[in-house]
Amino acid sequence: MHKLSRIIFLFVGCIFPIFVGLLHTITHFSDLLEPSIQEYLQHEIIILGKKQPIWNTWSIVSFMMGISFITVGLINIAVLISTPKTRALPVLAIVAMLLHQMSVTYVGYEYEQAFQLYGGIFGTVLLIFCLSLNKIR
């Protein structure tokens, strides 16, 4: 049971975040750097009482989001490598990814983004199954 749990965690906790992070970062550098997008994002908004272009905020969030997904995946690879194959995965690692997937589901629902909604639901179900398998000896 631990082997199947590890395989599920490998996909949902490691491969998927790195893949999404890479796609997000590539999109950031290819699509958001288009002149028409940059021109549009030059409109100013007020953040913490200071006027600044939307680009300043959007760019930082976009870039950091992609890198954060990659980082989560790499940390989870370290969890997999450091946990002996004969032992159950740390419950906290699975629960952390479960919370992450539930937030992906929420964002997908709240902002009407089908990929995030269904991907979050799929990831949540897989991680609940992973957690269940992890508890079976």
C-alpha atoms as a PDB file:
ATOM      1  CA  MET A   1       0.000   0.000   0.000  1.00  0.00           C
ATOM      2  CA  HIS A   2       2.881   2.329   0.728  1.00  0.00           C
ATOM      3  CA  LYS A   3       4.170   1.876  -2.814  1.00  0.00           C
ATOM      4  CA  LEU A   4       0.882   3.031  -4.380  1.00  0.00           C
ATOM      5  CA  SER A   5       0.716   5.908  -1.895  1.00  0.00           C
ATOM      6  CA  ARG A   6       4.241   6.960  -2.912  1.00  0.00           C
ATOM      7  CA  ILE A   7       3.358   6.771  -6.619  1.00  0.00           C
ATOM      8  CA  ILE A   8       0.291   8.975  -6.116  1.00  0.00           C
ATOM      9  CA  PHE A   9       2.337  11.447  -4.052  1.00  0.00           C
ATOM     10  CA  LEU A  10       5.062  11.448  -6.714  1.00  0.00           C
ATOM     11  CA  PHE A  11       2.558  12.522  -9.352  1.00  0.00           C
ATOM     12  CA  VAL A  12       0.365  14.923  -7.350  1.00  0.00           C
ATOM     13  CA  GLY A  13       3.060  16.290  -5.043  1.00  0.00           C
ATOM     14  CA  CYS A  14       6.118  16.351  -7.293  1.00  0.00           C
ATOM     15  CA  ILE A  15       5.527  15.980 -11.023  1.00  0.00           C
ATOM     16  CA  PHE A  16       2.312  18.015 -11.329  1.00  0.00           C
ATOM     17  CA  PRO A  17       3.585  21.063  -9.363  1.00  0.00           C
ATOM     18  CA  ILE A  18       6.879  21.134 -11.278  1.00  0.00           C
ATOM     19  CA  PHE A  19       5.041  20.764 -14.599  1.00  0.00           C
ATOM     20  CA  VAL A  20       2.519  23.512 -13.750  1.00  0.00           C
ATOM     21  CA  GLY A  21       5.305  25.740 -12.419  1.00  0.00           C
ATOM     22  CA  LEU A  22       7.353  25.336 -15.582  1.00  0.00           C
ATOM     23  CA  LEU A  23       4.334  26.041 -17.790  1.00  0.00           C
ATOM     24  CA  HIS A  24       3.439  29.081 -15.710  1.00  0.00           C
ATOM     25  CA  THR A  25       6.974  30.451 -15.840  1.00  0.00           C
ATOM     26  CA  ILE A  26       7.274  29.825 -19.591  1.00  0.00           C
ATOM     27  CA  THR A  27       3.930  31.548 -20.155  1.00  0.00           C
ATOM     28  CA  HIS A  28       5.081  34.441 -17.997  1.00  0.00           C
ATOM     29  CA  PHE A  29       8.145  35.011 -20.157  1.00  0.00           C
ATOM     30  CA  SER A  30       6.486  34.330 -23.510  1.00  0.00           C
ATOM     31  CA  ASP A  31       2.973  35.788 -23.272  1.00  0.00           C
ATOM     32  CA  LEU A  32       3.267  38.475 -20.608  1.00  0.00           C
ATOM     33  CA  LEU A  33       6.271  40.046 -22.305  1.00  0.00           C
ATOM     34  CA  GLU A  34       4.301  40.736 -25.503  1.00  0.00           C
ATOM     35  CA  PRO A  35       4.279  44.514 -26.209  1.00  0.00           C
ATOM     36  CA  SER A  36       0.463  44.680 -26.343  1.00  0.00           C
ATOM     37  CA  ILE A  37       0.162  42.981 -22.936  1.00  0.00           C
ATOM     38  CA  GLN A  38       2.865  45.161 -21.398  1.00  0.00           C
ATOM     39  CA  GLU A  39       1.173  48.281 -22.766  1.00  0.00           C
ATOM     40  CA  TYR A  40      -2.142  47.212 -21.253  1.00  0.00           C
ATOM     41  CA  LEU A  41      -0.498  46.424 -17.928  1.00  0.00           C
ATOM     42  CA  GLN A  42       1.013  49.935 -17.727  1.00  0.00           C
ATOM     43  CA  HIS A  43      -2.298  51.224 -16.358  1.00  0.00           C
ATOM     44  CA  GLU A  44      -1.759  52.355 -12.802  1.00  0.00           C
ATOM     45  CA  ILE A  45      -3.419  51.135  -9.641  1.00  0.00           C
ATOM     46  CA  ILE A  46      -2.911  52.090  -6.015  1.00  0.00           C
ATOM     47  CA  ILE A  47      -1.342  49.504  -3.739  1.00  0.00           C
ATOM     48  CA  LEU A  48      -0.605  50.430  -0.137  1.00  0.00           C
ATOM     49  CA  GLY A  49      -1.235  54.071  -0.975  1.00  0.00           C
ATOM     50  CA  LYS A  50       1.306  54.124  -3.803  1.00  0.00           C
ATOM     51  CA  LYS A  51       0.499  54.385  -7.529  1.00  0.00           C
ATOM     52  CA  GLN A  52       2.239  51.809  -9.652  1.00  0.00           C
ATOM     53  CA  PRO A  53       1.727  50.016 -12.961  1.00  0.00           C
ATOM     54  CA  ILE A  54      -0.340  46.813 -12.848  1.00  0.00           C
ATOM     55  CA  TRP A  55       2.684  45.161 -14.480  1.00  0.00           C
ATOM     56  CA  ASN A  56       4.755  45.604 -11.279  1.00  0.00           C
ATOM     57  CA  THR A  57       2.278  43.592  -9.240  1.00  0.00           C
ATOM     58  CA  TRP A  58       1.171  41.091 -11.874  1.00  0.00           C
ATOM     59  CA  SER A  59       4.710  40.325 -12.977  1.00  0.00           C
ATOM     60  CA  ILE A  60       5.949  39.617  -9.467  1.00  0.00           C
ATOM     61  CA  VAL A  61       2.966  37.419  -8.611  1.00  0.00           C
ATOM     62  CA  SER A  62       3.129  35.562 -11.931  1.00  0.00           C
ATOM     63  CA  PHE A  63       6.842  34.833 -11.714  1.00  0.00           C
ATOM     64  CA  MET A  64       6.792  33.888  -8.032  1.00  0.00           C
ATOM     65  CA  MET A  65       3.804  31.611  -8.542  1.00  0.00           C
ATOM     66  CA  GLY A  66       5.607  29.560 -11.171  1.00  0.00           C
ATOM     67  CA  ILE A  67       8.792  29.341  -9.120  1.00  0.00           C
ATOM     68  CA  SER A  68       6.806  28.476  -5.971  1.00  0.00           C
ATOM     69  CA  PHE A  69       5.121  25.537  -7.711  1.00  0.00           C
ATOM     70  CA  ILE A  70       8.513  24.248  -8.843  1.00  0.00           C
ATOM     71  CA  THR A  71       9.871  24.665  -5.305  1.00  0.00           C
ATOM     72  CA  VAL A  72       6.940  22.734  -3.793  1.00  0.00           C
ATOM     73  CA  GLY A  73       7.571  19.891  -6.222  1.00  0.00           C
ATOM     74  CA  LEU A  74      11.292  19.810  -5.420  1.00  0.00           C
ATOM     75  CA  ILE A  75      10.647  19.827  -1.660  1.00  0.00           C
ATOM     76  CA  ASN A  76       8.237  16.923  -2.093  1.00  0.00           C
ATOM     77  CA  ILE A  77      10.885  15.025  -4.069  1.00  0.00           C
ATOM     78  CA  ALA A  78      13.177  15.502  -1.061  1.00  0.00           C
ATOM     79  CA  VAL A  79      10.413  14.112   1.188  1.00  0.00           C
ATOM     80  CA  LEU A  80      10.065  11.057  -1.046  1.00  0.00           C
ATOM     81  CA  ILE A  81      13.804  10.444  -1.199  1.00  0.00           C
ATOM     82  CA  SER A  82      14.341  10.877   2.544  1.00  0.00           C
ATOM     83  CA  THR A  83      11.464   8.574   3.550  1.00  0.00           C
ATOM     84  CA  PRO A  84      12.478   4.907   3.445  1.00  0.00           C
ATOM     85  CA  LYS A  85      10.372   2.888   1.015  1.00  0.00           C
ATOM     86  CA  THR A  86       9.263   0.587   3.813  1.00  0.00           C
ATOM     87  CA  ARG A  87       7.818   3.460   5.868  1.00  0.00           C
ATOM     88  CA  ALA A  88       4.695   5.523   5.363  1.00  0.00           C
ATOM     89  CA  LEU A  89       5.071   9.035   3.974  1.00  0.00           C
ATOM     90  CA  PRO A  90       4.868  11.877   6.498  1.00  0.00           C
ATOM     91  CA  VAL A  91       1.187  12.673   7.027  1.00  0.00           C
ATOM     92  CA  LEU A  92       2.005  16.390   7.232  1.00  0.00           C
ATOM     93  CA  ALA A  93       3.432  16.335   3.684  1.00  0.00           C
ATOM     94  CA  ILE A  94       0.270  14.727   2.321  1.00  0.00           C
ATOM     95  CA  VAL A  95      -2.003  17.050   4.319  1.00  0.00           C
ATOM     96  CA  ALA A  96      -0.038  20.097   3.113  1.00  0.00           C
ATOM     97  CA  MET A  97      -0.530  19.016  -0.506  1.00  0.00           C
ATOM     98  CA  LEU A  98      -4.190  18.275   0.248  1.00  0.00           C
ATOM     99  CA  LEU A  99      -4.654  21.854   1.489  1.00  0.00           C
ATOM    100  CA  HIS A 100      -2.863  23.080  -1.616  1.00  0.00           C
ATOM    101  CA  GLN A 101      -5.190  21.096  -3.900  1.00  0.00           C
ATOM    102  CA  MET A 102      -8.251  22.350  -2.036  1.00  0.00           C
ATOM    103  CA  SER A 103      -7.046  25.923  -2.586  1.00  0.00           C
ATOM    104  CA  VAL A 104      -6.567  25.135  -6.298  1.00  0.00           C
ATOM    105  CA  THR A 105     -10.161  23.872  -6.352  1.00  0.00           C
ATOM    106  CA  TYR A 106     -11.379  27.039  -4.618  1.00  0.00           C
ATOM    107  CA  VAL A 107      -9.544  29.311  -7.058  1.00  0.00           C
ATOM    108  CA  GLY A 108     -10.910  27.328  -9.994  1.00  0.00           C
ATOM    109  CA  TYR A 109     -14.446  27.675  -8.662  1.00  0.00           C
ATOM    110  CA  GLU A 110     -14.206  31.306  -7.548  1.00  0.00           C
ATOM    111  CA  TYR A 111     -12.611  32.571 -10.771  1.00  0.00           C
ATOM    112  CA  GLU A 112     -14.421  30.174 -13.124  1.00  0.00           C
ATOM    113  CA  GLN A 113     -11.268  28.425 -14.306  1.00  0.00           C
ATOM    114  CA  ALA A 114     -12.211  24.885 -15.360  1.00  0.00           C
ATOM    115  CA  PHE A 115      -8.647  23.516 -15.476  1.00  0.00           C
ATOM    116  CA  GLN A 116      -7.977  24.596 -11.888  1.00  0.00           C
ATOM    117  CA  LEU A 117     -11.393  23.468 -10.668  1.00  0.00           C
ATOM    118  CA  TYR A 118     -11.297  19.966 -12.123  1.00  0.00           C
ATOM    119  CA  GLY A 119      -7.555  19.577 -11.609  1.00  0.00           C
ATOM    120  CA  GLY A 120      -7.971  20.576  -7.964  1.00  0.00           C
ATOM    121  CA  ILE A 121     -10.832  18.135  -7.473  1.00  0.00           C
ATOM    122  CA  PHE A 122      -8.826  15.350  -9.144  1.00  0.00           C
ATOM    123  CA  GLY A 123      -5.740  16.118  -7.048  1.00  0.00           C
ATOM    124  CA  THR A 124      -7.786  16.311  -3.837  1.00  0.00           C
ATOM    125  CA  VAL A 125      -9.410  12.926  -4.483  1.00  0.00           C
ATOM    126  CA  LEU A 126      -6.031  11.340  -5.287  1.00  0.00           C
ATOM    127  CA  LEU A 127      -4.458  12.768  -2.137  1.00  0.00           C
ATOM    128  CA  ILE A 128      -7.328  11.575   0.060  1.00  0.00           C
ATOM    129  CA  PHE A 129      -6.784   8.128  -1.453  1.00  0.00           C
ATOM    130  CA  CYS A 130      -3.020   8.527  -0.891  1.00  0.00           C
ATOM    131  CA  LEU A 131      -3.603   9.455   2.755  1.00  0.00           C
ATOM    132  CA  SER A 132      -5.918   6.460   3.214  1.00  0.00           C
ATOM    133  CA  LEU A 133      -3.385   4.084   1.672  1.00  0.00           C
ATOM    134  CA  ASN A 134      -0.651   5.654   3.770  1.00  0.00           C
ATOM    135  CA  LYS A 135      -2.536   4.716   6.940  1.00  0.00           C
ATOM    136  CA  ILE A 136      -2.995   1.067   5.927  1.00  0.00           C
ATOM    137  CA  ARG A 137      -0.140  -1.081   7.148  1.00  0.00           C
END
